[in-house]
Amino acid sequence: MKVKLIAALIAASAITAAPATNAQVKVSTKGGLKVSSGDYKFEFGGRIMYDYNRSEENGVVDEDDFNLRRGRVFARGNIAKNWKFKTQFNTNGDGVEDLYLRYTGFGKGAEVTIGNQKMPFGLEELTSSKDISVLERSAITERYAVGRAEGVQLHGKAGGNSTYAIGVFTDDEKDAEFGFAARYTTAFVSDNSLVHLGIAYKDINDDSAIGFEGAFASGPFHVQAEYVDGEDRSSDDLSGYYLQAGYILTGETRPYKGGKFKRVNPESKGGAWELVARYEDGDGNHSDIELGRDDASAFTLGVNWYAHKNVRFGVNYTDGESNTSNDDGNEFRVRFQLTF
C-alpha cells in the first residue's frame, strides 16, 4: 500500500511538472520505482550488500566481522527529450558515487556526460559491482582503475557492437590537475556466443597505464582477462593481469551490453547457480588478502546463487602470496546482495 501511494504521488508530480501532452503516465514497481510520461522519466532504486569477511596475514586473523559493504540509493531519469541525469549516494556517509547530467541529442553515437562519473578504463571496473561474478574486483583493477572523478566525457556506439569513450577529468587530490582517459571496445557476436576485445589508456595525477581486455562467452560458459602496463608518480614500471572463468550450472547465459557484462538473470523459480574462478598476478592492490600494494599472486574460487534477478548470495575464498617477500594472506567472504 505504501509503495503504491508513493508511486501515485510521484506520478502526480510528473504530470504536474511536465507540459500538457497526451502521453500516458506509466508506473512500475518491478525492480525499483519507475514513472514515465512521454519524454519524462524517473527511476528510484539502490543496492544493499552485507558481507561476512574473515582475512588472515601469515596465519594471523586481521579481520573477522559482518558489515555493510555497500549501501547505495540512486535517482535517474529524463528531464527533457535529450537530457538525462543520475544521482547516486552512499547511505553510510561515504559521499557521492554518481552525480551527472547527460546530453543525448546527437544520437547514440555521441553522448556527452558532465559531472562525477566513472572514468573509462577497464572491463571489470566498468562492470557494476552488483554484476561482477567474483564478489570483489581483482587487485589489478583496484590498483590501476581510477574509478569516479569529475569531468566531461564523450562516448557512444562506434558502429555495430563497438563502443568508444574519451574524457577529461580532474583529480580529487590535486584540484588543479587534469587527467585523461579513453577506451575502445568491439564485440563479435554470433548465435549464443561472443568475443569481446578492448583497449584503454589513462593518465592522471602522474599515474599512467594502458590496459588490454579480452572476453569470451558461449552459452553458460564465460571467461575474461585483462593485462595492464603502467607507470606511477615514482617512475616505477608496473604491470599485472588476471584471468577469470565462470560456468552457470543452470544453463543461463551471462548478459553483455555496451562493452561490459551484466548480472545473471535466473530463468526458473529455483534461481541460477554459477561457479567462478580467478587467477591474478603482478603489481596490484592486494589489500583484500592483507598484502597491500605489492607484487603478488592470488587465486579465488567462488559460487553464486541468483535466487532472483534482484537477490544474490555469494561465497568466495581467496589465497595469495607476495612475489617480493615471504608474506601470504587469504580471505573468506560471504555476501547477501539485494538490488531494487
C-alpha atoms as a PDB file:
ATOM      1  CA  MET A   1       0.000   0.000   0.000  1.00  0.00           C
ATOM      2  CA  LYS A   2       2.803   2.449   0.929  1.00  0.00           C
ATOM      3  CA  VAL A   3       4.690   1.701  -2.302  1.00  0.00           C
ATOM      4  CA  LYS A   4       1.569   2.306  -4.371  1.00  0.00           C
ATOM      5  CA  LEU A   5       0.912   5.577  -2.534  1.00  0.00           C
ATOM      6  CA  ILE A   6       4.475   6.822  -3.129  1.00  0.00           C
ATOM      7  CA  ALA A   7       4.261   5.801  -6.784  1.00  0.00           C
ATOM      8  CA  ALA A   8       0.989   7.662  -7.149  1.00  0.00           C
ATOM      9  CA  LEU A   9       2.449  10.817  -5.585  1.00  0.00           C
ATOM     10  CA  ILE A  10       5.489  10.749  -7.860  1.00  0.00           C
ATOM     11  CA  ALA A  11       3.308  10.105 -10.874  1.00  0.00           C
ATOM     12  CA  ALA A  12       1.172  13.092  -9.897  1.00  0.00           C
ATOM     13  CA  SER A  13       4.315  15.208  -9.569  1.00  0.00           C
ATOM     14  CA  ALA A  14       5.482  14.102 -13.002  1.00  0.00           C
ATOM     15  CA  ILE A  15       2.156  15.073 -14.506  1.00  0.00           C
ATOM     16  CA  THR A  16       2.298  18.486 -12.811  1.00  0.00           C
ATOM     17  CA  ALA A  17       5.905  19.153 -13.833  1.00  0.00           C
ATOM     18  CA  ALA A  18       5.534  18.009 -17.435  1.00  0.00           C
ATOM     19  CA  PRO A  19       3.947  20.165 -20.140  1.00  0.00           C
ATOM     20  CA  ALA A  20       0.414  19.249 -21.094  1.00  0.00           C
ATOM     21  CA  THR A  21       0.561  16.337 -23.528  1.00  0.00           C
ATOM     22  CA  ASN A  22      -1.477  13.304 -24.432  1.00  0.00           C
ATOM     23  CA  ALA A  23       1.278  10.987 -23.173  1.00  0.00           C
ATOM     24  CA  GLN A  24       0.142   8.235 -20.857  1.00  0.00           C
ATOM     25  CA  VAL A  25       1.654   8.072 -17.385  1.00  0.00           C
ATOM     26  CA  LYS A  26       3.156   4.667 -16.619  1.00  0.00           C
ATOM     27  CA  VAL A  27       4.173   3.494 -13.143  1.00  0.00           C
ATOM     28  CA  SER A  28       6.135   0.334 -12.378  1.00  0.00           C
ATOM     29  CA  THR A  29       7.418  -1.027  -9.046  1.00  0.00           C
ATOM     30  CA  LYS A  30       9.177  -4.022 -10.604  1.00  0.00           C
ATOM     31  CA  GLY A  31      12.833  -3.804  -9.551  1.00  0.00           C
ATOM     32  CA  GLY A  32      12.609  -0.261  -8.212  1.00  0.00           C
ATOM     33  CA  LEU A  33      10.177   2.580  -8.779  1.00  0.00           C
ATOM     34  CA  LYS A  34       9.764   3.827 -12.356  1.00  0.00           C
ATOM     35  CA  VAL A  35       7.483   6.587 -13.624  1.00  0.00           C
ATOM     36  CA  SER A  36       7.318   7.752 -17.232  1.00  0.00           C
ATOM     37  CA  SER A  37       5.240  10.199 -19.222  1.00  0.00           C
ATOM     38  CA  GLY A  38       6.336  10.810 -22.783  1.00  0.00           C
ATOM     39  CA  ASP A  39       9.871  12.250 -22.750  1.00  0.00           C
ATOM     40  CA  TYR A  40       9.843  12.495 -18.955  1.00  0.00           C
ATOM     41  CA  LYS A  41      11.124   9.541 -16.934  1.00  0.00           C
ATOM     42  CA  PHE A  42      12.066   8.985 -13.300  1.00  0.00           C
ATOM     43  CA  GLU A  43      13.530   5.940 -11.573  1.00  0.00           C
ATOM     44  CA  PHE A  44      14.466   5.359  -7.929  1.00  0.00           C
ATOM     45  CA  GLY A  45      16.451   2.349  -6.681  1.00  0.00           C
ATOM     46  CA  GLY A  46      19.551   1.158  -4.902  1.00  0.00           C
ATOM     47  CA  ARG A  47      21.633  -1.733  -3.650  1.00  0.00           C
ATOM     48  CA  ILE A  48      22.343  -3.396  -0.314  1.00  0.00           C
ATOM     49  CA  MET A  49      25.383  -5.639   0.141  1.00  0.00           C
ATOM     50  CA  TYR A  50      26.039  -7.215   3.535  1.00  0.00           C
ATOM     51  CA  ASP A  51      29.285  -9.193   3.877  1.00  0.00           C
ATOM     52  CA  TYR A  52      30.854 -11.558   6.344  1.00  0.00           C
ATOM     53  CA  ASN A  53      34.613 -11.237   5.904  1.00  0.00           C
ATOM     54  CA  ARG A  54      37.459 -13.156   7.535  1.00  0.00           C
ATOM     55  CA  SER A  55      41.025 -12.467   6.385  1.00  0.00           C
ATOM     56  CA  GLU A  56      44.466 -13.538   7.582  1.00  0.00           C
ATOM     57  CA  GLU A  57      48.050 -12.432   7.036  1.00  0.00           C
ATOM     58  CA  ASN A  58      50.769 -15.007   7.701  1.00  0.00           C
ATOM     59  CA  GLY A  59      48.252 -17.110   9.629  1.00  0.00           C
ATOM     60  CA  VAL A  60      47.131 -14.259  11.922  1.00  0.00           C
ATOM     61  CA  VAL A  61      43.484 -13.160  11.724  1.00  0.00           C
ATOM     62  CA  ASP A  62      43.280  -9.466  10.798  1.00  0.00           C
ATOM     63  CA  GLU A  63      39.560  -9.120  10.021  1.00  0.00           C
ATOM     64  CA  ASP A  64      36.599 -11.139  11.251  1.00  0.00           C
ATOM     65  CA  ASP A  65      33.361  -9.204  11.009  1.00  0.00           C
ATOM     66  CA  PHE A  66      29.928  -8.764   9.440  1.00  0.00           C
ATOM     67  CA  ASN A  67      29.200  -5.354   7.975  1.00  0.00           C
ATOM     68  CA  LEU A  68      27.612  -3.286   5.237  1.00  0.00           C
ATOM     69  CA  ARG A  69      29.871  -3.487   2.199  1.00  0.00           C
ATOM     70  CA  ARG A  70      27.728  -1.195   0.044  1.00  0.00           C
ATOM     71  CA  GLY A  71      24.511   0.664   0.697  1.00  0.00           C
ATOM     72  CA  ARG A  72      23.514   2.992  -2.124  1.00  0.00           C
ATOM     73  CA  VAL A  73      20.423   4.784  -3.370  1.00  0.00           C
ATOM     74  CA  PHE A  74      20.014   6.451  -6.745  1.00  0.00           C
ATOM     75  CA  ALA A  75      17.622   8.538  -8.763  1.00  0.00           C
ATOM     76  CA  ARG A  76      17.876   8.921 -12.510  1.00  0.00           C
ATOM     77  CA  GLY A  77      15.723   9.837 -15.443  1.00  0.00           C
ATOM     78  CA  ASN A  78      14.963  12.146 -18.337  1.00  0.00           C
ATOM     79  CA  ILE A  79      14.165  15.776 -17.570  1.00  0.00           C
ATOM     80  CA  ALA A  80      13.541  16.588 -21.245  1.00  0.00           C
ATOM     81  CA  LYS A  81      13.774  14.862 -24.610  1.00  0.00           C
ATOM     82  CA  ASN A  82      17.582  14.969 -24.879  1.00  0.00           C
ATOM     83  CA  TRP A  83      18.636  15.431 -21.252  1.00  0.00           C
ATOM     84  CA  LYS A  84      19.241  12.721 -18.663  1.00  0.00           C
ATOM     85  CA  PHE A  85      20.556  12.797 -15.108  1.00  0.00           C
ATOM     86  CA  LYS A  86      21.727  10.440 -12.382  1.00  0.00           C
ATOM     87  CA  THR A  87      22.453  10.925  -8.695  1.00  0.00           C
ATOM     88  CA  GLN A  88      23.790   8.082  -6.543  1.00  0.00           C
ATOM     89  CA  PHE A  89      24.863   8.319  -2.906  1.00  0.00           C
ATOM     90  CA  ASN A  90      26.258   6.004  -0.249  1.00  0.00           C
ATOM     91  CA  THR A  91      23.940   5.641   2.722  1.00  0.00           C
ATOM     92  CA  ASN A  92      26.847   5.138   5.152  1.00  0.00           C
ATOM     93  CA  GLY A  93      28.146   8.657   4.658  1.00  0.00           C
ATOM     94  CA  ASP A  94      30.962   7.884   2.217  1.00  0.00           C
ATOM     95  CA  GLY A  95      29.667  10.539  -0.150  1.00  0.00           C
ATOM     96  CA  VAL A  96      28.718  10.800  -3.803  1.00  0.00           C
ATOM     97  CA  GLU A  97      29.094   7.996  -6.330  1.00  0.00           C
ATOM     98  CA  ASP A  98      27.417   9.405  -9.445  1.00  0.00           C
ATOM     99  CA  LEU A  99      26.235  12.961  -9.969  1.00  0.00           C
ATOM    100  CA  TYR A 100      25.964  13.915 -13.618  1.00  0.00           C
ATOM    101  CA  LEU A 101      23.939  15.353 -16.465  1.00  0.00           C
ATOM    102  CA  ARG A 102      23.919  13.695 -19.905  1.00  0.00           C
ATOM    103  CA  TYR A 103      23.043  15.134 -23.319  1.00  0.00           C
ATOM    104  CA  THR A 104      21.799  12.618 -25.920  1.00  0.00           C
ATOM    105  CA  GLY A 105      20.683  14.939 -28.719  1.00  0.00           C
ATOM    106  CA  PHE A 106      23.486  13.871 -31.062  1.00  0.00           C
ATOM    107  CA  GLY A 107      22.258  10.275 -31.070  1.00  0.00           C
ATOM    108  CA  LYS A 108      23.652   7.050 -29.608  1.00  0.00           C
ATOM    109  CA  GLY A 109      26.944   7.606 -31.399  1.00  0.00           C
ATOM    110  CA  ALA A 110      27.869  10.740 -29.437  1.00  0.00           C
ATOM    111  CA  GLU A 111      26.532  11.272 -25.934  1.00  0.00           C
ATOM    112  CA  VAL A 112      28.075  13.841 -23.597  1.00  0.00           C
ATOM    113  CA  THR A 113      28.203  13.288 -19.813  1.00  0.00           C
ATOM    114  CA  ILE A 114      29.152  16.116 -17.446  1.00  0.00           C
ATOM    115  CA  GLY A 115      29.810  15.623 -13.729  1.00  0.00           C
ATOM    116  CA  ASN A 116      31.007  12.940 -11.316  1.00  0.00           C
ATOM    117  CA  GLN A 117      31.211   9.651 -13.241  1.00  0.00           C
ATOM    118  CA  LYS A 118      33.371   6.618 -13.891  1.00  0.00           C
ATOM    119  CA  MET A 119      36.472   7.180 -15.964  1.00  0.00           C
ATOM    120  CA  PRO A 120      36.541   4.821 -18.992  1.00  0.00           C
ATOM    121  CA  PHE A 121      39.221   2.310 -18.021  1.00  0.00           C
ATOM    122  CA  GLY A 122      38.874  -1.458 -17.552  1.00  0.00           C
ATOM    123  CA  LEU A 123      36.244  -4.091 -18.276  1.00  0.00           C
ATOM    124  CA  GLU A 124      35.982  -5.243 -14.651  1.00  0.00           C
ATOM    125  CA  GLU A 125      35.887  -1.674 -13.305  1.00  0.00           C
ATOM    126  CA  LEU A 126      33.125  -0.551 -15.671  1.00  0.00           C
ATOM    127  CA  THR A 127      31.047  -3.634 -14.899  1.00  0.00           C
ATOM    128  CA  SER A 128      28.833  -2.661 -11.968  1.00  0.00           C
ATOM    129  CA  SER A 129      29.687  -4.038  -8.516  1.00  0.00           C
ATOM    130  CA  LYS A 130      26.263  -5.666  -8.462  1.00  0.00           C
ATOM    131  CA  ASP A 131      27.032  -7.515 -11.728  1.00  0.00           C
ATOM    132  CA  ILE A 132      30.608  -8.806 -11.277  1.00  0.00           C
ATOM    133  CA  SER A 133      30.907 -12.591 -10.838  1.00  0.00           C
ATOM    134  CA  VAL A 134      33.648 -12.524  -8.182  1.00  0.00           C
ATOM    135  CA  LEU A 135      32.461 -10.621  -5.105  1.00  0.00           C
ATOM    136  CA  GLU A 136      35.434  -8.230  -5.066  1.00  0.00           C
ATOM    137  CA  ARG A 137      37.258  -6.855  -8.094  1.00  0.00           C
ATOM    138  CA  SER A 138      40.780  -8.091  -8.775  1.00  0.00           C
ATOM    139  CA  ALA A 139      43.825  -6.472  -7.177  1.00  0.00           C
ATOM    140  CA  ILE A 140      44.904  -5.446 -10.680  1.00  0.00           C
ATOM    141  CA  THR A 141      41.699  -3.488 -11.253  1.00  0.00           C
ATOM    142  CA  GLU A 142      41.844  -1.984  -7.770  1.00  0.00           C
ATOM    143  CA  ARG A 143      45.376  -0.710  -8.448  1.00  0.00           C
ATOM    144  CA  TYR A 144      45.002   0.789 -11.923  1.00  0.00           C
ATOM    145  CA  ALA A 145      41.369   1.769 -12.436  1.00  0.00           C
ATOM    146  CA  VAL A 146      40.681   5.326 -11.331  1.00  0.00           C
ATOM    147  CA  GLY A 147      37.001   4.845 -10.568  1.00  0.00           C
ATOM    148  CA  ARG A 148      34.926   8.008 -10.445  1.00  0.00           C
ATOM    149  CA  ALA A 149      36.068  11.568 -10.992  1.00  0.00           C
ATOM    150  CA  GLU A 150      34.570  14.889 -12.060  1.00  0.00           C
ATOM    151  CA  GLY A 151      34.865  15.658 -15.736  1.00  0.00           C
ATOM    152  CA  VAL A 152      33.416  15.688 -19.227  1.00  0.00           C
ATOM    153  CA  GLN A 153      33.138  12.534 -21.298  1.00  0.00           C
ATOM    154  CA  LEU A 154      32.169  11.922 -24.924  1.00  0.00           C
ATOM    155  CA  HIS A 155      31.013   8.342 -25.511  1.00  0.00           C
ATOM    156  CA  GLY A 156      28.726   6.150 -27.546  1.00  0.00           C
ATOM    157  CA  LYS A 157      28.448   3.438 -30.158  1.00  0.00           C
ATOM    158  CA  ALA A 158      31.141   3.265 -32.813  1.00  0.00           C
ATOM    159  CA  GLY A 159      29.164   1.150 -35.245  1.00  0.00           C
ATOM    160  CA  GLY A 160      27.970  -2.427 -34.890  1.00  0.00           C
ATOM    161  CA  ASN A 161      28.919  -3.816 -31.485  1.00  0.00           C
ATOM    162  CA  SER A 162      31.744  -1.330 -30.900  1.00  0.00           C
ATOM    163  CA  THR A 163      31.883   1.405 -28.258  1.00  0.00           C
ATOM    164  CA  TYR A 164      34.196   4.304 -27.508  1.00  0.00           C
ATOM    165  CA  ALA A 165      34.698   6.793 -24.690  1.00  0.00           C
ATOM    166  CA  ILE A 166      37.095   9.687 -24.227  1.00  0.00           C
ATOM    167  CA  GLY A 167      37.132  12.208 -21.413  1.00  0.00           C
ATOM    168  CA  VAL A 168      38.959  14.854 -19.415  1.00  0.00           C
ATOM    169  CA  PHE A 169      38.745  14.681 -15.621  1.00  0.00           C
ATOM    170  CA  THR A 170      40.006  16.486 -12.535  1.00  0.00           C
ATOM    171  CA  ASP A 171      41.914  14.767  -9.764  1.00  0.00           C
ATOM    172  CA  ASP A 172      40.316  14.798  -6.309  1.00  0.00           C
ATOM    173  CA  GLU A 173      43.749  15.015  -4.656  1.00  0.00           C
ATOM    174  CA  LYS A 174      45.041  17.846  -6.838  1.00  0.00           C
ATOM    175  CA  ASP A 175      42.265  20.251  -7.779  1.00  0.00           C
ATOM    176  CA  ALA A 176      44.374  21.999 -10.389  1.00  0.00           C
ATOM    177  CA  GLU A 177      45.467  18.847 -12.208  1.00  0.00           C
ATOM    178  CA  PHE A 178      43.550  17.403 -15.142  1.00  0.00           C
ATOM    179  CA  GLY A 179      43.630  13.817 -16.308  1.00  0.00           C
ATOM    180  CA  PHE A 180      42.713  11.970 -19.460  1.00  0.00           C
ATOM    181  CA  ALA A 181      41.172   8.562 -20.165  1.00  0.00           C
ATOM    182  CA  ALA A 182      39.933   6.759 -23.250  1.00  0.00           C
ATOM    183  CA  ARG A 183      38.552   3.311 -24.086  1.00  0.00           C
ATOM    184  CA  TYR A 184      37.518   1.424 -27.214  1.00  0.00           C
ATOM    185  CA  THR A 185      35.791  -1.959 -27.363  1.00  0.00           C
ATOM    186  CA  THR A 186      34.410  -4.201 -30.033  1.00  0.00           C
ATOM    187  CA  ALA A 187      32.461  -7.455 -29.868  1.00  0.00           C
ATOM    188  CA  PHE A 188      31.915 -10.234 -32.375  1.00  0.00           C
ATOM    189  CA  VAL A 189      28.526 -11.836 -31.733  1.00  0.00           C
ATOM    190  CA  SER A 190      27.143 -14.993 -33.317  1.00  0.00           C
ATOM    191  CA  ASP A 191      24.177 -17.049 -32.123  1.00  0.00           C
ATOM    192  CA  ASN A 192      24.750 -17.723 -28.405  1.00  0.00           C
ATOM    193  CA  SER A 193      28.426 -16.688 -28.188  1.00  0.00           C
ATOM    194  CA  LEU A 194      30.549 -13.550 -28.281  1.00  0.00           C
ATOM    195  CA  VAL A 195      34.162 -12.374 -28.294  1.00  0.00           C
ATOM    196  CA  HIS A 196      34.989  -9.048 -26.625  1.00  0.00           C
ATOM    197  CA  LEU A 197      38.183  -7.056 -27.225  1.00  0.00           C
ATOM    198  CA  GLY A 198      39.107  -3.732 -25.721  1.00  0.00           C
ATOM    199  CA  ILE A 199      41.908  -1.266 -25.120  1.00  0.00           C
ATOM    200  CA  ALA A 200      42.066   1.682 -22.722  1.00  0.00           C
ATOM    201  CA  TYR A 201      44.515   4.369 -21.648  1.00  0.00           C
ATOM    202  CA  LYS A 202      44.611   6.755 -18.681  1.00  0.00           C
ATOM    203  CA  ASP A 203      46.968   9.442 -17.424  1.00  0.00           C
ATOM    204  CA  ILE A 204      46.044  11.304 -14.246  1.00  0.00           C
ATOM    205  CA  ASN A 205      47.971  12.522 -11.200  1.00  0.00           C
ATOM    206  CA  ASP A 206      51.312  11.328 -12.650  1.00  0.00           C
ATOM    207  CA  ASP A 207      49.896   7.813 -12.917  1.00  0.00           C
ATOM    208  CA  SER A 208      49.554   6.408 -16.430  1.00  0.00           C
ATOM    209  CA  ALA A 209      48.590   2.984 -17.749  1.00  0.00           C
ATOM    210  CA  ILE A 210      47.436   1.123 -20.812  1.00  0.00           C
ATOM    211  CA  GLY A 211      45.045  -1.789 -20.450  1.00  0.00           C
ATOM    212  CA  PHE A 212      44.077  -4.630 -22.750  1.00  0.00           C
ATOM    213  CA  GLU A 213      40.791  -6.543 -22.370  1.00  0.00           C
ATOM    214  CA  GLY A 214      39.572  -9.851 -23.707  1.00  0.00           C
ATOM    215  CA  ALA A 215      36.470 -11.919 -23.031  1.00  0.00           C
ATOM    216  CA  PHE A 216      34.621 -14.897 -24.467  1.00  0.00           C
ATOM    217  CA  ALA A 217      31.162 -16.207 -23.661  1.00  0.00           C
ATOM    218  CA  SER A 218      29.320 -19.172 -25.107  1.00  0.00           C
ATOM    219  CA  GLY A 219      26.130 -20.423 -23.523  1.00  0.00           C
ATOM    220  CA  PRO A 220      26.686 -20.865 -19.776  1.00  0.00           C
ATOM    221  CA  PHE A 221      30.500 -20.532 -20.028  1.00  0.00           C
ATOM    222  CA  HIS A 222      32.282 -17.187 -19.798  1.00  0.00           C
ATOM    223  CA  VAL A 223      35.893 -16.093 -19.450  1.00  0.00           C
ATOM    224  CA  GLN A 224      37.570 -12.690 -19.261  1.00  0.00           C
ATOM    225  CA  ALA A 225      41.086 -11.353 -18.810  1.00  0.00           C
ATOM    226  CA  GLU A 226      42.879  -8.019 -18.537  1.00  0.00           C
ATOM    227  CA  TYR A 227      46.527  -7.026 -18.705  1.00  0.00           C
ATOM    228  CA  VAL A 228      47.712  -3.590 -17.565  1.00  0.00           C
ATOM    229  CA  ASP A 229      51.099  -1.946 -18.008  1.00  0.00           C
ATOM    230  CA  GLY A 230      51.701   1.351 -16.242  1.00  0.00           C
ATOM    231  CA  GLU A 231      53.971   3.830 -14.553  1.00  0.00           C
ATOM    232  CA  ASP A 232      53.310   5.639 -11.263  1.00  0.00           C
ATOM    233  CA  ARG A 233      54.452   9.028  -9.957  1.00  0.00           C
ATOM    234  CA  SER A 234      57.723   7.452  -8.745  1.00  0.00           C
ATOM    235  CA  SER A 235      58.509   6.441 -12.345  1.00  0.00           C
ATOM    236  CA  ASP A 236      58.279   2.778 -11.364  1.00  0.00           C
ATOM    237  CA  ASP A 237      57.258   0.393 -14.137  1.00  0.00           C
ATOM    238  CA  LEU A 238      54.242  -1.665 -13.103  1.00  0.00           C
ATOM    239  CA  SER A 239      52.255  -4.469 -14.672  1.00  0.00           C
ATOM    240  CA  GLY A 240      49.716  -7.103 -13.774  1.00  0.00           C
ATOM    241  CA  TYR A 241      46.993  -9.336 -15.135  1.00  0.00           C
ATOM    242  CA  TYR A 242      44.066 -11.509 -14.134  1.00  0.00           C
ATOM    243  CA  LEU A 243      42.261 -14.404 -15.792  1.00  0.00           C
ATOM    244  CA  GLN A 244      38.721 -15.277 -14.716  1.00  0.00           C
ATOM    245  CA  ALA A 245      36.330 -18.017 -15.797  1.00  0.00           C
ATOM    246  CA  GLY A 246      32.801 -18.953 -14.825  1.00  0.00           C
ATOM    247  CA  TYR A 247      30.187 -21.579 -15.582  1.00  0.00           C
ATOM    248  CA  ILE A 248      26.443 -21.268 -14.916  1.00  0.00           C
ATOM    249  CA  LEU A 249      25.263 -24.707 -13.830  1.00  0.00           C
ATOM    250  CA  THR A 250      21.602 -23.983 -14.555  1.00  0.00           C
ATOM    251  CA  GLY A 251      22.275 -23.066 -18.186  1.00  0.00           C
ATOM    252  CA  GLU A 252      21.710 -19.303 -18.266  1.00  0.00           C
ATOM    253  CA  THR A 253      23.967 -17.006 -20.306  1.00  0.00           C
ATOM    254  CA  ARG A 254      25.743 -14.037 -18.748  1.00  0.00           C
ATOM    255  CA  PRO A 255      24.305 -10.913 -20.447  1.00  0.00           C
ATOM    256  CA  TYR A 256      26.529  -8.461 -22.303  1.00  0.00           C
ATOM    257  CA  LYS A 257      25.699  -4.945 -23.464  1.00  0.00           C
ATOM    258  CA  GLY A 258      27.594  -1.818 -24.412  1.00  0.00           C
ATOM    259  CA  GLY A 259      31.107  -3.170 -23.851  1.00  0.00           C
ATOM    260  CA  LYS A 260      30.509  -4.746 -20.413  1.00  0.00           C
ATOM    261  CA  PHE A 261      28.818  -7.688 -18.754  1.00  0.00           C
ATOM    262  CA  LYS A 262      25.603  -7.644 -16.762  1.00  0.00           C
ATOM    263  CA  ARG A 263      24.272  -9.770 -13.915  1.00  0.00           C
ATOM    264  CA  VAL A 264      22.948 -13.302 -14.488  1.00  0.00           C
ATOM    265  CA  ASN A 265      19.142 -13.382 -14.720  1.00  0.00           C
ATOM    266  CA  PRO A 266      17.697 -16.706 -13.476  1.00  0.00           C
ATOM    267  CA  GLU A 267      15.202 -18.382 -15.793  1.00  0.00           C
ATOM    268  CA  SER A 268      13.482 -20.573 -13.196  1.00  0.00           C
ATOM    269  CA  LYS A 269      11.961 -20.108  -9.733  1.00  0.00           C
ATOM    270  CA  GLY A 270      14.818 -22.140  -8.264  1.00  0.00           C
ATOM    271  CA  GLY A 271      17.293 -19.454  -9.313  1.00  0.00           C
ATOM    272  CA  ALA A 272      20.616 -19.732 -11.149  1.00  0.00           C
ATOM    273  CA  TRP A 273      23.858 -21.259  -9.836  1.00  0.00           C
ATOM    274  CA  GLU A 274      27.297 -20.131 -11.001  1.00  0.00           C
ATOM    275  CA  LEU A 275      30.826 -21.371 -10.318  1.00  0.00           C
ATOM    276  CA  VAL A 276      33.674 -18.902 -10.802  1.00  0.00           C
ATOM    277  CA  ALA A 277      37.479 -18.945 -10.537  1.00  0.00           C
ATOM    278  CA  ARG A 278      40.119 -16.252 -10.933  1.00  0.00           C
ATOM    279  CA  TYR A 279      43.919 -16.104 -11.004  1.00  0.00           C
ATOM    280  CA  GLU A 280      45.815 -12.812 -10.765  1.00  0.00           C
ATOM    281  CA  ASP A 281      49.475 -11.910 -10.714  1.00  0.00           C
ATOM    282  CA  GLY A 282      51.538  -8.733 -10.662  1.00  0.00           C
ATOM    283  CA  ASP A 283      51.622  -5.266  -9.168  1.00  0.00           C
ATOM    284  CA  GLY A 284      48.247  -4.589  -7.609  1.00  0.00           C
ATOM    285  CA  ASN A 285      46.283  -3.528  -4.569  1.00  0.00           C
ATOM    286  CA  HIS A 286      46.114  -6.839  -2.699  1.00  0.00           C
ATOM    287  CA  SER A 287      44.524  -5.365   0.433  1.00  0.00           C
ATOM    288  CA  ASP A 288      41.682  -7.894   0.465  1.00  0.00           C
ATOM    289  CA  ILE A 289      44.206 -10.554   1.457  1.00  0.00           C
ATOM    290  CA  GLU A 290      46.102  -8.113   3.705  1.00  0.00           C
ATOM    291  CA  LEU A 291      49.183  -7.739   1.458  1.00  0.00           C
ATOM    292  CA  GLY A 292      48.534  -4.136   0.432  1.00  0.00           C
ATOM    293  CA  ARG A 293      50.092  -2.617  -2.686  1.00  0.00           C
ATOM    294  CA  ASP A 294      52.593  -5.238  -3.695  1.00  0.00           C
ATOM    295  CA  ASP A 295      53.714  -7.544  -6.468  1.00  0.00           C
ATOM    296  CA  ALA A 296      51.784 -10.695  -5.567  1.00  0.00           C
ATOM    297  CA  SER A 297      49.779 -13.595  -6.957  1.00  0.00           C
ATOM    298  CA  ALA A 298      46.436 -14.971  -5.810  1.00  0.00           C
ATOM    299  CA  PHE A 299      43.637 -17.331  -6.807  1.00  0.00           C
ATOM    300  CA  THR A 300      39.933 -17.128  -5.984  1.00  0.00           C
ATOM    301  CA  LEU A 301      37.210 -19.774  -6.023  1.00  0.00           C
ATOM    302  CA  GLY A 302      33.565 -18.856  -5.664  1.00  0.00           C
ATOM    303  CA  VAL A 303      29.933 -19.834  -6.037  1.00  0.00           C
ATOM    304  CA  ASN A 304      26.914 -17.606  -6.645  1.00  0.00           C
ATOM    305  CA  TRP A 305      23.222 -18.315  -6.217  1.00  0.00           C
ATOM    306  CA  TYR A 306      20.991 -15.843  -8.046  1.00  0.00           C
ATOM    307  CA  ALA A 307      17.768 -16.538  -6.173  1.00  0.00           C
ATOM    308  CA  HIS A 308      16.014 -13.777  -8.108  1.00  0.00           C
ATOM    309  CA  LYS A 309      17.204 -11.209 -10.619  1.00  0.00           C
ATOM    310  CA  ASN A 310      17.427  -8.787  -7.680  1.00  0.00           C
ATOM    311  CA  VAL A 311      18.681 -11.191  -4.976  1.00  0.00           C
ATOM    312  CA  ARG A 312      22.080 -12.876  -4.856  1.00  0.00           C
ATOM    313  CA  PHE A 313      24.085 -14.933  -2.358  1.00  0.00           C
ATOM    314  CA  GLY A 314      27.806 -15.435  -2.964  1.00  0.00           C
ATOM    315  CA  VAL A 315      30.745 -17.181  -1.302  1.00  0.00           C
ATOM    316  CA  ASN A 316      34.424 -16.575  -2.204  1.00  0.00           C
ATOM    317  CA  TYR A 317      37.760 -17.845  -0.953  1.00  0.00           C
ATOM    318  CA  THR A 318      40.990 -16.107  -1.994  1.00  0.00           C
ATOM    319  CA  ASP A 319      44.539 -17.207  -1.202  1.00  0.00           C
ATOM    320  CA  GLY A 320      47.732 -15.455  -2.268  1.00  0.00           C
ATOM    321  CA  GLU A 321      51.363 -14.705  -1.596  1.00  0.00           C
ATOM    322  CA  SER A 322      53.785 -11.881  -2.171  1.00  0.00           C
ATOM    323  CA  ASN A 323      56.305 -12.119  -5.015  1.00  0.00           C
ATOM    324  CA  THR A 324      58.710  -9.849  -3.131  1.00  0.00           C
ATOM    325  CA  SER A 325      58.677 -11.356   0.376  1.00  0.00           C
ATOM    326  CA  ASN A 326      57.578 -14.419   2.343  1.00  0.00           C
ATOM    327  CA  ASP A 327      54.215 -12.880   3.281  1.00  0.00           C
ATOM    328  CA  ASP A 328      50.994 -14.666   2.429  1.00  0.00           C
ATOM    329  CA  GLY A 329      47.324 -13.905   3.002  1.00  0.00           C
ATOM    330  CA  ASN A 330      43.831 -15.236   2.467  1.00  0.00           C
ATOM    331  CA  GLU A 331      40.231 -14.147   2.695  1.00  0.00           C
ATOM    332  CA  PHE A 332      36.866 -15.870   3.120  1.00  0.00           C
ATOM    333  CA  ARG A 333      33.899 -13.704   2.127  1.00  0.00           C
ATOM    334  CA  VAL A 334      30.137 -14.282   2.102  1.00  0.00           C
ATOM    335  CA  ARG A 335      27.726 -11.764   0.594  1.00  0.00           C
ATOM    336  CA  PHE A 336      23.990 -11.128   0.636  1.00  0.00           C
ATOM    337  CA  GLN A 337      23.015  -8.737  -2.138  1.00  0.00           C
ATOM    338  CA  LEU A 338      19.706  -7.034  -2.838  1.00  0.00           C
ATOM    339  CA  THR A 339      19.077  -4.555  -5.653  1.00  0.00           C
ATOM    340  CA  PHE A 340      15.924  -2.552  -6.141  1.00  0.00           C
END
